[in-house]
Amino acid sequence: MILDSTSDTTLDTTQEAGQQTAQKANQQTAQESMITISVLYFASLADKAGCDQESIHIDPTTSLSDLFAQLDDQYHFGRCQSQLRVAINDNFAQWSDAIHDGDSIAFIPPVAGG
């Protein structure tokens, strides 16, 4: 059997192009299944995050607890969930409440004043 190196290269290139197309399709499907939310940070949380608000894409099954844990891993807030209040769309919420596309989520640390 004689192998033609040109056809092997063409086959490899075709396989790579097919794999890249499949990867792009998988990424697009994953992005389409994500929801977009706005996260608001107050006081020390805003300081750690370096912003007062950001829009992020999350899996629609993400819980508020999971969201806070992911953001805490990223920004190292230095506060545990039990020290915070959470609000969805300007209303205080329970940590077990669901997140929906377009929601505005606020994490609110305790505030002291005089």
PDB file of N, CA and C in Angstrom:
ATOM      1  N   MET A   1       0.839  -1.168   0.000  1.00  0.00           N
ATOM      2  CA  MET A   1       0.000   0.000   0.000  1.00  0.00           C
ATOM      3  C   MET A   1       0.890   1.238   0.000  1.00  0.00           C
ATOM      4  N   ILE A   2       0.587   2.177  -0.863  1.00  0.00           N
ATOM      5  CA  ILE A   2       1.347   3.416  -0.960  1.00  0.00           C
ATOM      6  C   ILE A   2       0.510   4.530  -0.337  1.00  0.00           C
ATOM      7  N   LEU A   3       1.129   5.248   0.589  1.00  0.00           N
ATOM      8  CA  LEU A   3       0.447   6.369   1.230  1.00  0.00           C
ATOM      9  C   LEU A   3       0.884   7.659   0.577  1.00  0.00           C
ATOM     10  N   ASP A   4      -0.048   8.474   0.279  1.00  0.00           N
ATOM     11  CA  ASP A   4       0.226   9.788  -0.284  1.00  0.00           C
ATOM     12  C   ASP A   4       0.199  10.797   0.855  1.00  0.00           C
ATOM     13  N   SER A   5       1.321  11.393   1.161  1.00  0.00           N
ATOM     14  CA  SER A   5       1.399  12.317   2.286  1.00  0.00           C
ATOM     15  C   SER A   5       0.502  13.537   2.076  1.00  0.00           C
ATOM     16  N   THR A   6       0.241  13.892   0.829  1.00  0.00           N
ATOM     17  CA  THR A   6      -0.629  15.029   0.549  1.00  0.00           C
ATOM     18  C   THR A   6      -2.047  14.736   1.000  1.00  0.00           C
ATOM     19  N   SER A   7      -2.542  13.539   0.709  1.00  0.00           N
ATOM     20  CA  SER A   7      -3.909  13.203   1.102  1.00  0.00           C
ATOM     21  C   SER A   7      -4.006  13.055   2.613  1.00  0.00           C
ATOM     22  N   ASP A   8      -2.940  12.581   3.294  1.00  0.00           N
ATOM     23  CA  ASP A   8      -2.943  12.496   4.749  1.00  0.00           C
ATOM     24  C   ASP A   8      -3.071  13.894   5.357  1.00  0.00           C
ATOM     25  N   THR A   9      -2.334  14.847   4.792  1.00  0.00           N
ATOM     26  CA  THR A   9      -2.386  16.207   5.293  1.00  0.00           C
ATOM     27  C   THR A   9      -3.779  16.793   5.078  1.00  0.00           C
ATOM     28  N   THR A  10      -4.359  16.527   3.905  1.00  0.00           N
ATOM     29  CA  THR A  10      -5.701  17.016   3.616  1.00  0.00           C
ATOM     30  C   THR A  10      -6.700  16.412   4.593  1.00  0.00           C
ATOM     31  N   LEU A  11      -6.565  15.117   4.879  1.00  0.00           N
ATOM     32  CA  LEU A  11      -7.452  14.442   5.803  1.00  0.00           C
ATOM     33  C   LEU A  11      -7.309  15.041   7.202  1.00  0.00           C
ATOM     34  N   ASP A  12      -6.058  15.255   7.640  1.00  0.00           N
ATOM     35  CA  ASP A  12      -5.820  15.852   8.950  1.00  0.00           C
ATOM     36  C   ASP A  12      -6.431  17.245   9.034  1.00  0.00           C
ATOM     37  N   THR A  13      -6.242  18.022   7.976  1.00  0.00           N
ATOM     38  CA  THR A  13      -6.780  19.380   7.957  1.00  0.00           C
ATOM     39  C   THR A  13      -8.301  19.349   7.980  1.00  0.00           C
ATOM     40  N   THR A  14      -8.903  18.436   7.241  1.00  0.00           N
ATOM     41  CA  THR A  14     -10.360  18.301   7.211  1.00  0.00           C
ATOM     42  C   THR A  14     -10.888  17.884   8.580  1.00  0.00           C
ATOM     43  N   GLN A  15     -10.191  16.956   9.234  1.00  0.00           N
ATOM     44  CA  GLN A  15     -10.608  16.516  10.566  1.00  0.00           C
ATOM     45  C   GLN A  15     -10.504  17.662  11.573  1.00  0.00           C
ATOM     46  N   GLU A  16      -9.423  18.426  11.491  1.00  0.00           N
ATOM     47  CA  GLU A  16      -9.243  19.562  12.396  1.00  0.00           C
ATOM     48  C   GLU A  16     -10.337  20.597  12.172  1.00  0.00           C
ATOM     49  N   ALA A  17     -10.662  20.872  10.912  1.00  0.00           N
ATOM     50  CA  ALA A  17     -11.711  21.845  10.610  1.00  0.00           C
ATOM     51  C   ALA A  17     -13.050  21.351  11.146  1.00  0.00           C
ATOM     52  N   GLY A  18     -13.313  20.065  11.012  1.00  0.00           N
ATOM     53  CA  GLY A  18     -14.553  19.485  11.535  1.00  0.00           C
ATOM     54  C   GLY A  18     -14.618  19.584  13.045  1.00  0.00           C
ATOM     55  N   GLN A  19     -13.488  19.334  13.704  1.00  0.00           N
ATOM     56  CA  GLN A  19     -13.437  19.428  15.165  1.00  0.00           C
ATOM     57  C   GLN A  19     -13.639  20.866  15.610  1.00  0.00           C
ATOM     58  N   GLN A  20     -13.029  21.819  14.906  1.00  0.00           N
ATOM     59  CA  GLN A  20     -13.178  23.229  15.263  1.00  0.00           C
ATOM     60  C   GLN A  20     -14.623  23.676  15.075  1.00  0.00           C
ATOM     61  N   THR A  21     -15.263  23.211  14.003  1.00  0.00           N
ATOM     62  CA  THR A  21     -16.662  23.559  13.767  1.00  0.00           C
ATOM     63  C   THR A  21     -17.544  22.988  14.871  1.00  0.00           C
ATOM     64  N   ALA A  22     -17.278  21.751  15.283  1.00  0.00           N
ATOM     65  CA  ALA A  22     -18.049  21.130  16.364  1.00  0.00           C
ATOM     66  C   ALA A  22     -17.837  21.875  17.678  1.00  0.00           C
ATOM     67  N   GLN A  23     -16.601  22.288  17.949  1.00  0.00           N
ATOM     68  CA  GLN A  23     -16.319  23.035  19.172  1.00  0.00           C
ATOM     69  C   GLN A  23     -17.047  24.372  19.174  1.00  0.00           C
ATOM     70  N   LYS A  24     -17.045  25.064  18.032  1.00  0.00           N
ATOM     71  CA  LYS A  24     -17.749  26.343  17.940  1.00  0.00           C
ATOM     72  C   LYS A  24     -19.247  26.143  18.142  1.00  0.00           C
ATOM     73  N   ALA A  25     -19.801  25.082  17.573  1.00  0.00           N
ATOM     74  CA  ALA A  25     -21.229  24.798  17.734  1.00  0.00           C
ATOM     75  C   ALA A  25     -21.548  24.495  19.194  1.00  0.00           C
ATOM     76  N   ASN A  26     -20.684  23.722  19.857  1.00  0.00           N
ATOM     77  CA  ASN A  26     -20.894  23.420  21.272  1.00  0.00           C
ATOM     78  C   ASN A  26     -20.814  24.679  22.117  1.00  0.00           C
ATOM     79  N   GLN A  27     -19.856  25.561  21.818  1.00  0.00           N
ATOM     80  CA  GLN A  27     -19.724  26.815  22.558  1.00  0.00           C
ATOM     81  C   GLN A  27     -20.944  27.701  22.341  1.00  0.00           C
ATOM     82  N   GLN A  28     -21.432  27.757  21.102  1.00  0.00           N
ATOM     83  CA  GLN A  28     -22.596  28.579  20.801  1.00  0.00           C
ATOM     84  C   GLN A  28     -23.822  28.029  21.521  1.00  0.00           C
ATOM     85  N   THR A  29     -23.988  26.708  21.531  1.00  0.00           N
ATOM     86  CA  THR A  29     -25.103  26.086  22.235  1.00  0.00           C
ATOM     87  C   THR A  29     -25.005  26.372  23.727  1.00  0.00           C
ATOM     88  N   ALA A  30     -23.796  26.283  24.287  1.00  0.00           N
ATOM     89  CA  ALA A  30     -23.595  26.558  25.710  1.00  0.00           C
ATOM     90  C   ALA A  30     -23.931  28.019  26.015  1.00  0.00           C
ATOM     91  N   GLN A  31     -23.525  28.936  25.150  1.00  0.00           N
ATOM     92  CA  GLN A  31     -23.822  30.351  25.365  1.00  0.00           C
ATOM     93  C   GLN A  31     -25.317  30.612  25.251  1.00  0.00           C
ATOM     94  N   GLU A  32     -25.985  29.933  24.325  1.00  0.00           N
ATOM     95  CA  GLU A  32     -27.415  30.119  24.157  1.00  0.00           C
ATOM     96  C   GLU A  32     -28.185  29.610  25.363  1.00  0.00           C
ATOM     97  N   SER A  33     -27.650  28.607  26.059  1.00  0.00           N
ATOM     98  CA  SER A  33     -28.341  28.061  27.215  1.00  0.00           C
ATOM     99  C   SER A  33     -28.030  28.847  28.489  1.00  0.00           C
ATOM    100  N   MET A  34     -27.145  29.819  28.410  1.00  0.00           N
ATOM    101  CA  MET A  34     -26.802  30.642  29.560  1.00  0.00           C
ATOM    102  C   MET A  34     -27.819  31.775  29.692  1.00  0.00           C
ATOM    103  N   ILE A  35     -27.948  32.285  30.911  1.00  0.00           N
ATOM    104  CA  ILE A  35     -28.773  33.456  31.126  1.00  0.00           C
ATOM    105  C   ILE A  35     -27.869  34.622  31.522  1.00  0.00           C
ATOM    106  N   THR A  36     -28.341  35.816  31.283  1.00  0.00           N
ATOM    107  CA  THR A  36     -27.578  37.015  31.622  1.00  0.00           C
ATOM    108  C   THR A  36     -28.243  37.697  32.806  1.00  0.00           C
ATOM    109  N   ILE A  37     -27.448  37.992  33.808  1.00  0.00           N
ATOM    110  CA  ILE A  37     -27.942  38.692  34.991  1.00  0.00           C
ATOM    111  C   ILE A  37     -27.031  39.866  35.303  1.00  0.00           C
ATOM    112  N   SER A  38     -27.544  40.769  36.090  1.00  0.00           N
ATOM    113  CA  SER A  38     -26.755  41.888  36.577  1.00  0.00           C
ATOM    114  C   SER A  38     -26.498  41.645  38.057  1.00  0.00           C
ATOM    115  N   VAL A  39     -25.259  41.800  38.477  1.00  0.00           N
ATOM    116  CA  VAL A  39     -24.906  41.623  39.883  1.00  0.00           C
ATOM    117  C   VAL A  39     -24.491  42.979  40.440  1.00  0.00           C
ATOM    118  N   LEU A  40     -25.114  43.354  41.558  1.00  0.00           N
ATOM    119  CA  LEU A  40     -24.814  44.617  42.216  1.00  0.00           C
ATOM    120  C   LEU A  40     -24.029  44.329  43.490  1.00  0.00           C
ATOM    121  N   TYR A  41     -22.987  45.114  43.709  1.00  0.00           N
ATOM    122  CA  TYR A  41     -22.157  44.963  44.896  1.00  0.00           C
ATOM    123  C   TYR A  41     -22.234  46.245  45.725  1.00  0.00           C
ATOM    124  N   PHE A  42     -22.254  46.093  47.031  1.00  0.00           N
ATOM    125  CA  PHE A  42     -22.298  47.241  47.930  1.00  0.00           C
ATOM    126  C   PHE A  42     -21.159  47.172  48.932  1.00  0.00           C
ATOM    127  N   ALA A  43     -20.746  48.346  49.393  1.00  0.00           N
ATOM    128  CA  ALA A  43     -19.761  48.501  50.471  1.00  0.00           C
ATOM    129  C   ALA A  43     -18.494  47.684  50.194  1.00  0.00           C
ATOM    130  N   SER A  44     -18.088  46.859  51.149  1.00  0.00           N
ATOM    131  CA  SER A  44     -16.826  46.121  51.033  1.00  0.00           C
ATOM    132  C   SER A  44     -16.826  45.151  49.853  1.00  0.00           C
ATOM    133  N   LEU A  45     -18.000  44.658  49.471  1.00  0.00           N
ATOM    134  CA  LEU A  45     -18.065  43.741  48.327  1.00  0.00           C
ATOM    135  C   LEU A  45     -17.713  44.475  47.034  1.00  0.00           C
ATOM    136  N   ALA A  46     -18.173  45.711  46.908  1.00  0.00           N
ATOM    137  CA  ALA A  46     -17.834  46.515  45.727  1.00  0.00           C
ATOM    138  C   ALA A  46     -16.337  46.808  45.696  1.00  0.00           C
ATOM    139  N   ASP A  47     -15.777  47.060  46.872  1.00  0.00           N
ATOM    140  CA  ASP A  47     -14.329  47.299  46.939  1.00  0.00           C
ATOM    141  C   ASP A  47     -13.557  46.086  46.444  1.00  0.00           C
ATOM    142  N   LYS A  48     -13.945  44.906  46.907  1.00  0.00           N
ATOM    143  CA  LYS A  48     -13.248  43.673  46.507  1.00  0.00           C
ATOM    144  C   LYS A  48     -13.449  43.354  45.028  1.00  0.00           C
ATOM    145  N   ALA A  49     -14.672  43.574  44.534  1.00  0.00           N
ATOM    146  CA  ALA A  49     -14.969  43.277  43.128  1.00  0.00           C
ATOM    147  C   ALA A  49     -14.373  44.324  42.190  1.00  0.00           C
ATOM    148  N   GLY A  50     -14.093  45.510  42.732  1.00  0.00           N
ATOM    149  CA  GLY A  50     -13.552  46.574  41.900  1.00  0.00           C
ATOM    150  C   GLY A  50     -14.603  47.247  41.030  1.00  0.00           C
ATOM    151  N   CYS A  51     -15.876  47.011  41.343  1.00  0.00           N
ATOM    152  CA  CYS A  51     -16.966  47.634  40.598  1.00  0.00           C
ATOM    153  C   CYS A  51     -18.241  47.572  41.440  1.00  0.00           C
ATOM    154  N   ASP A  52     -19.201  48.393  41.079  1.00  0.00           N
ATOM    155  CA  ASP A  52     -20.493  48.391  41.771  1.00  0.00           C
ATOM    156  C   ASP A  52     -21.480  47.437  41.117  1.00  0.00           C
ATOM    157  N   GLN A  53     -21.251  47.140  39.835  1.00  0.00           N
ATOM    158  CA  GLN A  53     -22.203  46.329  39.075  1.00  0.00           C
ATOM    159  C   GLN A  53     -21.484  45.670  37.915  1.00  0.00           C
ATOM    160  N   GLU A  54     -21.950  44.470  37.568  1.00  0.00           N
ATOM    161  CA  GLU A  54     -21.447  43.809  36.362  1.00  0.00           C
ATOM    162  C   GLU A  54     -22.516  42.881  35.814  1.00  0.00           C
ATOM    163  N   SER A  55     -22.487  42.689  34.519  1.00  0.00           N
ATOM    164  CA  SER A  55     -23.368  41.721  33.869  1.00  0.00           C
ATOM    165  C   SER A  55     -22.575  40.444  33.662  1.00  0.00           C
ATOM    166  N   ILE A  56     -23.185  39.328  34.008  1.00  0.00           N
ATOM    167  CA  ILE A  56     -22.502  38.044  33.835  1.00  0.00           C
ATOM    168  C   ILE A  56     -23.453  37.029  33.225  1.00  0.00           C
ATOM    169  N   HIS A  57     -22.878  35.998  32.636  1.00  0.00           N
ATOM    170  CA  HIS A  57     -23.634  34.895  32.056  1.00  0.00           C
ATOM    171  C   HIS A  57     -23.464  33.698  32.974  1.00  0.00           C
ATOM    172  N   ILE A  58     -24.589  33.084  33.339  1.00  0.00           N
ATOM    173  CA  ILE A  58     -24.548  31.913  34.208  1.00  0.00           C
ATOM    174  C   ILE A  58     -25.458  30.829  33.668  1.00  0.00           C
ATOM    175  N   ASP A  59     -25.234  29.633  34.125  1.00  0.00           N
ATOM    176  CA  ASP A  59     -26.117  28.520  33.810  1.00  0.00           C
ATOM    177  C   ASP A  59     -27.460  28.783  34.481  1.00  0.00           C
ATOM    178  N   PRO A  60     -28.565  28.507  33.815  1.00  0.00           N
ATOM    179  CA  PRO A  60     -29.873  28.794  34.410  1.00  0.00           C
ATOM    180  C   PRO A  60     -30.179  27.991  35.677  1.00  0.00           C
ATOM    181  N   THR A  61     -29.419  26.953  35.947  1.00  0.00           N
ATOM    182  CA  THR A  61     -29.643  26.155  37.157  1.00  0.00           C
ATOM    183  C   THR A  61     -28.825  26.660  38.346  1.00  0.00           C
ATOM    184  N   THR A  62     -28.044  27.718  38.146  1.00  0.00           N
ATOM    185  CA  THR A  62     -27.212  28.256  39.221  1.00  0.00           C
ATOM    186  C   THR A  62     -28.087  28.823  40.327  1.00  0.00           C
ATOM    187  N   SER A  63     -27.810  28.436  41.553  1.00  0.00           N
ATOM    188  CA  SER A  63     -28.544  28.974  42.706  1.00  0.00           C
ATOM    189  C   SER A  63     -27.857  30.253  43.182  1.00  0.00           C
ATOM    190  N   LEU A  64     -28.544  31.001  44.024  1.00  0.00           N
ATOM    191  CA  LEU A  64     -27.937  32.197  44.601  1.00  0.00           C
ATOM    192  C   LEU A  64     -26.701  31.835  45.422  1.00  0.00           C
ATOM    193  N   SER A  65     -26.782  30.736  46.153  1.00  0.00           N
ATOM    194  CA  SER A  65     -25.631  30.278  46.943  1.00  0.00           C
ATOM    195  C   SER A  65     -24.450  29.937  46.048  1.00  0.00           C
ATOM    196  N   ASP A  66     -24.734  29.232  44.954  1.00  0.00           N
ATOM    197  CA  ASP A  66     -23.671  28.877  44.008  1.00  0.00           C
ATOM    198  C   ASP A  66     -23.073  30.131  43.373  1.00  0.00           C
ATOM    199  N   LEU A  67     -23.940  31.077  43.016  1.00  0.00           N
ATOM    200  CA  LEU A  67     -23.472  32.318  42.409  1.00  0.00           C
ATOM    201  C   LEU A  67     -22.545  33.056  43.364  1.00  0.00           C
ATOM    202  N   PHE A  68     -22.973  33.191  44.619  1.00  0.00           N
ATOM    203  CA  PHE A  68     -22.127  33.882  45.582  1.00  0.00           C
ATOM    204  C   PHE A  68     -20.801  33.145  45.765  1.00  0.00           C
ATOM    205  N   ALA A  69     -20.847  31.823  45.838  1.00  0.00           N
ATOM    206  CA  ALA A  69     -19.615  31.039  46.010  1.00  0.00           C
ATOM    207  C   ALA A  69     -18.659  31.263  44.830  1.00  0.00           C
ATOM    208  N   GLN A  70     -19.196  31.287  43.608  1.00  0.00           N
ATOM    209  CA  GLN A  70     -18.358  31.511  42.427  1.00  0.00           C
ATOM    210  C   GLN A  70     -17.733  32.904  42.463  1.00  0.00           C
ATOM    211  N   LEU A  71     -18.532  33.899  42.820  1.00  0.00           N
ATOM    212  CA  LEU A  71     -18.022  35.261  42.879  1.00  0.00           C
ATOM    213  C   LEU A  71     -17.023  35.437  44.032  1.00  0.00           C
ATOM    214  N   ASP A  72     -17.287  34.754  45.141  1.00  0.00           N
ATOM    215  CA  ASP A  72     -16.358  34.800  46.269  1.00  0.00           C
ATOM    216  C   ASP A  72     -15.020  34.167  45.895  1.00  0.00           C
ATOM    217  N   ASP A  73     -15.055  33.085  45.132  1.00  0.00           N
ATOM    218  CA  ASP A  73     -13.816  32.472  44.651  1.00  0.00           C
ATOM    219  C   ASP A  73     -13.033  33.445  43.769  1.00  0.00           C
ATOM    220  N   GLN A  74     -13.756  34.217  42.985  1.00  0.00           N
ATOM    221  CA  GLN A  74     -13.114  35.156  42.065  1.00  0.00           C
ATOM    222  C   GLN A  74     -12.596  36.403  42.769  1.00  0.00           C
ATOM    223  N   TYR A  75     -13.391  36.959  43.693  1.00  0.00           N
ATOM    224  CA  TYR A  75     -13.057  38.254  44.290  1.00  0.00           C
ATOM    225  C   TYR A  75     -12.575  38.188  45.743  1.00  0.00           C
ATOM    226  N   HIS A  76     -12.694  37.038  46.375  1.00  0.00           N
ATOM    227  CA  HIS A  76     -12.241  36.872  47.768  1.00  0.00           C
ATOM    228  C   HIS A  76     -12.874  37.921  48.688  1.00  0.00           C
ATOM    229  N   PHE A  77     -14.193  37.877  48.784  1.00  0.00           N
ATOM    230  CA  PHE A  77     -14.939  38.864  49.552  1.00  0.00           C
ATOM    231  C   PHE A  77     -14.588  38.887  51.036  1.00  0.00           C
ATOM    232  N   GLY A  78     -14.231  37.745  51.585  1.00  0.00           N
ATOM    233  CA  GLY A  78     -13.900  37.712  53.007  1.00  0.00           C
ATOM    234  C   GLY A  78     -15.131  37.717  53.901  1.00  0.00           C
ATOM    235  N   ARG A  79     -16.258  37.401  53.349  1.00  0.00           N
ATOM    236  CA  ARG A  79     -17.503  37.299  54.115  1.00  0.00           C
ATOM    237  C   ARG A  79     -18.198  36.000  53.721  1.00  0.00           C
ATOM    238  N   CYS A  80     -18.828  35.393  54.699  1.00  0.00           N
ATOM    239  CA  CYS A  80     -19.581  34.187  54.368  1.00  0.00           C
ATOM    240  C   CYS A  80     -21.021  34.581  54.042  1.00  0.00           C
ATOM    241  N   GLN A  81     -21.692  33.698  53.365  1.00  0.00           N
ATOM    242  CA  GLN A  81     -23.054  33.939  52.906  1.00  0.00           C
ATOM    243  C   GLN A  81     -23.986  34.322  54.060  1.00  0.00           C
ATOM    244  N   SER A  82     -23.791  33.726  55.227  1.00  0.00           N
ATOM    245  CA  SER A  82     -24.678  33.995  56.366  1.00  0.00           C
ATOM    246  C   SER A  82     -24.560  35.435  56.876  1.00  0.00           C
ATOM    247  N   GLN A  83     -23.523  36.154  56.464  1.00  0.00           N
ATOM    248  CA  GLN A  83     -23.336  37.543  56.876  1.00  0.00           C
ATOM    249  C   GLN A  83     -23.988  38.529  55.909  1.00  0.00           C
ATOM    250  N   LEU A  84     -24.601  38.026  54.852  1.00  0.00           N
ATOM    251  CA  LEU A  84     -25.129  38.884  53.791  1.00  0.00           C
ATOM    252  C   LEU A  84     -26.628  38.737  53.631  1.00  0.00           C
ATOM    253  N   ARG A  85     -27.228  39.757  53.068  1.00  0.00           N
ATOM    254  CA  ARG A  85     -28.595  39.683  52.564  1.00  0.00           C
ATOM    255  C   ARG A  85     -28.479  39.626  51.053  1.00  0.00           C
ATOM    256  N   VAL A  86     -29.464  39.024  50.439  1.00  0.00           N
ATOM    257  CA  VAL A  86     -29.496  38.946  48.987  1.00  0.00           C
ATOM    258  C   VAL A  86     -30.833  39.503  48.519  1.00  0.00           C
ATOM    259  N   ALA A  87     -30.807  40.196  47.390  1.00  0.00           N
ATOM    260  CA  ALA A  87     -32.028  40.748  46.815  1.00  0.00           C
ATOM    261  C   ALA A  87     -32.078  40.398  45.335  1.00  0.00           C
ATOM    262  N   ILE A  88     -33.288  40.184  44.865  1.00  0.00           N
ATOM    263  CA  ILE A  88     -33.525  39.955  43.439  1.00  0.00           C
ATOM    264  C   ILE A  88     -34.483  41.045  42.972  1.00  0.00           C
ATOM    265  N   ASN A  89     -34.059  41.784  41.970  1.00  0.00           N
ATOM    266  CA  ASN A  89     -34.889  42.844  41.394  1.00  0.00           C
ATOM    267  C   ASN A  89     -35.423  43.801  42.464  1.00  0.00           C
ATOM    268  N   ASP A  90     -34.537  44.251  43.322  1.00  0.00           N
ATOM    269  CA  ASP A  90     -34.825  45.257  44.357  1.00  0.00           C
ATOM    270  C   ASP A  90     -35.717  44.763  45.499  1.00  0.00           C
ATOM    271  N   ASN A  91     -35.900  43.457  45.608  1.00  0.00           N
ATOM    272  CA  ASN A  91     -36.679  42.892  46.712  1.00  0.00           C
ATOM    273  C   ASN A  91     -35.827  41.878  47.453  1.00  0.00           C
ATOM    274  N   PHE A  92     -35.817  41.971  48.785  1.00  0.00           N
ATOM    275  CA  PHE A  92     -35.073  40.974  49.542  1.00  0.00           C
ATOM    276  C   PHE A  92     -35.549  39.584  49.164  1.00  0.00           C
ATOM    277  N   ALA A  93     -34.613  38.657  49.087  1.00  0.00           N
ATOM    278  CA  ALA A  93     -34.918  37.297  48.642  1.00  0.00           C
ATOM    279  C   ALA A  93     -34.334  36.289  49.631  1.00  0.00           C
ATOM    280  N   GLN A  94     -34.739  35.064  49.462  1.00  0.00           N
ATOM    281  CA  GLN A  94     -34.172  33.944  50.207  1.00  0.00           C
ATOM    282  C   GLN A  94     -33.050  33.346  49.358  1.00  0.00           C
ATOM    283  N   TRP A  95     -32.069  32.766  50.003  1.00  0.00           N
ATOM    284  CA  TRP A  95     -30.953  32.151  49.273  1.00  0.00           C
ATOM    285  C   TRP A  95     -31.425  30.991  48.408  1.00  0.00           C
ATOM    286  N   SER A  96     -32.597  30.470  48.670  1.00  0.00           N
ATOM    287  CA  SER A  96     -33.137  29.343  47.895  1.00  0.00           C
ATOM    288  C   SER A  96     -33.964  29.791  46.693  1.00  0.00           C
ATOM    289  N   ASP A  97     -34.206  31.108  46.544  1.00  0.00           N
ATOM    290  CA  ASP A  97     -34.994  31.615  45.420  1.00  0.00           C
ATOM    291  C   ASP A  97     -34.257  31.397  44.102  1.00  0.00           C
ATOM    292  N   ALA A  98     -35.034  31.218  43.043  1.00  0.00           N
ATOM    293  CA  ALA A  98     -34.476  30.956  41.708  1.00  0.00           C
ATOM    294  C   ALA A  98     -34.010  32.254  41.045  1.00  0.00           C
ATOM    295  N   ILE A  99     -33.041  32.114  40.170  1.00  0.00           N
ATOM    296  CA  ILE A  99     -32.536  33.222  39.363  1.00  0.00           C
ATOM    297  C   ILE A  99     -33.077  33.048  37.949  1.00  0.00           C
ATOM    298  N   HIS A 100     -33.528  34.155  37.347  1.00  0.00           N
ATOM    299  CA  HIS A 100     -34.067  34.117  35.986  1.00  0.00           C
ATOM    300  C   HIS A 100     -33.310  35.088  35.091  1.00  0.00           C
ATOM    301  N   ASP A 101     -33.403  34.843  33.804  1.00  0.00           N
ATOM    302  CA  ASP A 101     -32.740  35.700  32.825  1.00  0.00           C
ATOM    303  C   ASP A 101     -33.168  37.147  33.028  1.00  0.00           C
ATOM    304  N   GLY A 102     -32.201  38.047  33.051  1.00  0.00           N
ATOM    305  CA  GLY A 102     -32.471  39.470  33.186  1.00  0.00           C
ATOM    306  C   GLY A 102     -32.578  39.964  34.616  1.00  0.00           C
ATOM    307  N   ASP A 103     -32.509  39.058  35.592  1.00  0.00           N
ATOM    308  CA  ASP A 103     -32.607  39.467  36.994  1.00  0.00           C
ATOM    309  C   ASP A 103     -31.438  40.348  37.403  1.00  0.00           C
ATOM    310  N   SER A 104     -31.700  41.178  38.394  1.00  0.00           N
ATOM    311  CA  SER A 104     -30.677  41.980  39.041  1.00  0.00           C
ATOM    312  C   SER A 104     -30.497  41.413  40.440  1.00  0.00           C
ATOM    313  N   ILE A 105     -29.305  40.919  40.716  1.00  0.00           N
ATOM    314  CA  ILE A 105     -28.992  40.282  42.000  1.00  0.00           C
ATOM    315  C   ILE A 105     -28.089  41.210  42.800  1.00  0.00           C
ATOM    316  N   ALA A 106     -28.479  41.482  44.045  1.00  0.00           N
ATOM    317  CA  ALA A 106     -27.663  42.334  44.903  1.00  0.00           C
ATOM    318  C   ALA A 106     -27.229  41.551  46.116  1.00  0.00           C
ATOM    319  N   PHE A 107     -25.944  41.628  46.419  1.00  0.00           N
ATOM    320  CA  PHE A 107     -25.406  41.054  47.653  1.00  0.00           C
ATOM    321  C   PHE A 107     -25.122  42.221  48.584  1.00  0.00           C
ATOM    322  N   ILE A 108     -25.729  42.173  49.763  1.00  0.00           N
ATOM    323  CA  ILE A 108     -25.706  43.321  50.658  1.00  0.00           C
ATOM    324  C   ILE A 108     -25.069  42.929  51.995  1.00  0.00           C
ATOM    325  N   PRO A 109     -23.897  43.474  52.280  1.00  0.00           N
ATOM    326  CA  PRO A 109     -23.253  43.184  53.579  1.00  0.00           C
ATOM    327  C   PRO A 109     -23.902  44.029  54.677  1.00  0.00           C
ATOM    328  N   PRO A 110     -23.645  43.681  55.939  1.00  0.00           N
ATOM    329  CA  PRO A 110     -24.183  44.506  57.013  1.00  0.00           C
ATOM    330  C   PRO A 110     -23.580  45.911  56.949  1.00  0.00           C
ATOM    331  N   VAL A 111     -24.395  46.873  57.306  1.00  0.00           N
ATOM    332  CA  VAL A 111     -23.963  48.267  57.244  1.00  0.00           C
ATOM    333  C   VAL A 111     -24.086  48.871  58.639  1.00  0.00           C
ATOM    334  N   ALA A 112     -23.049  49.529  59.083  1.00  0.00           N
ATOM    335  CA  ALA A 112     -23.084  50.203  60.377  1.00  0.00           C
ATOM    336  C   ALA A 112     -23.027  51.705  60.129  1.00  0.00           C
ATOM    337  N   GLY A 113     -23.652  52.431  60.948  1.00  0.00           N
ATOM    338  CA  GLY A 113     -23.644  53.873  60.767  1.00  0.00           C
ATOM    339  C   GLY A 113     -23.930  54.584  62.078  1.00  0.00           C
ATOM    340  N   GLY A 114     -23.882  55.854  62.038  1.00  0.00           N
ATOM    341  CA  GLY A 114     -24.115  56.594  63.253  1.00  0.00           C
ATOM    342  C   GLY A 114     -24.914  57.831  63.033  1.00  0.00           C
TER     343      GLY A 114
END
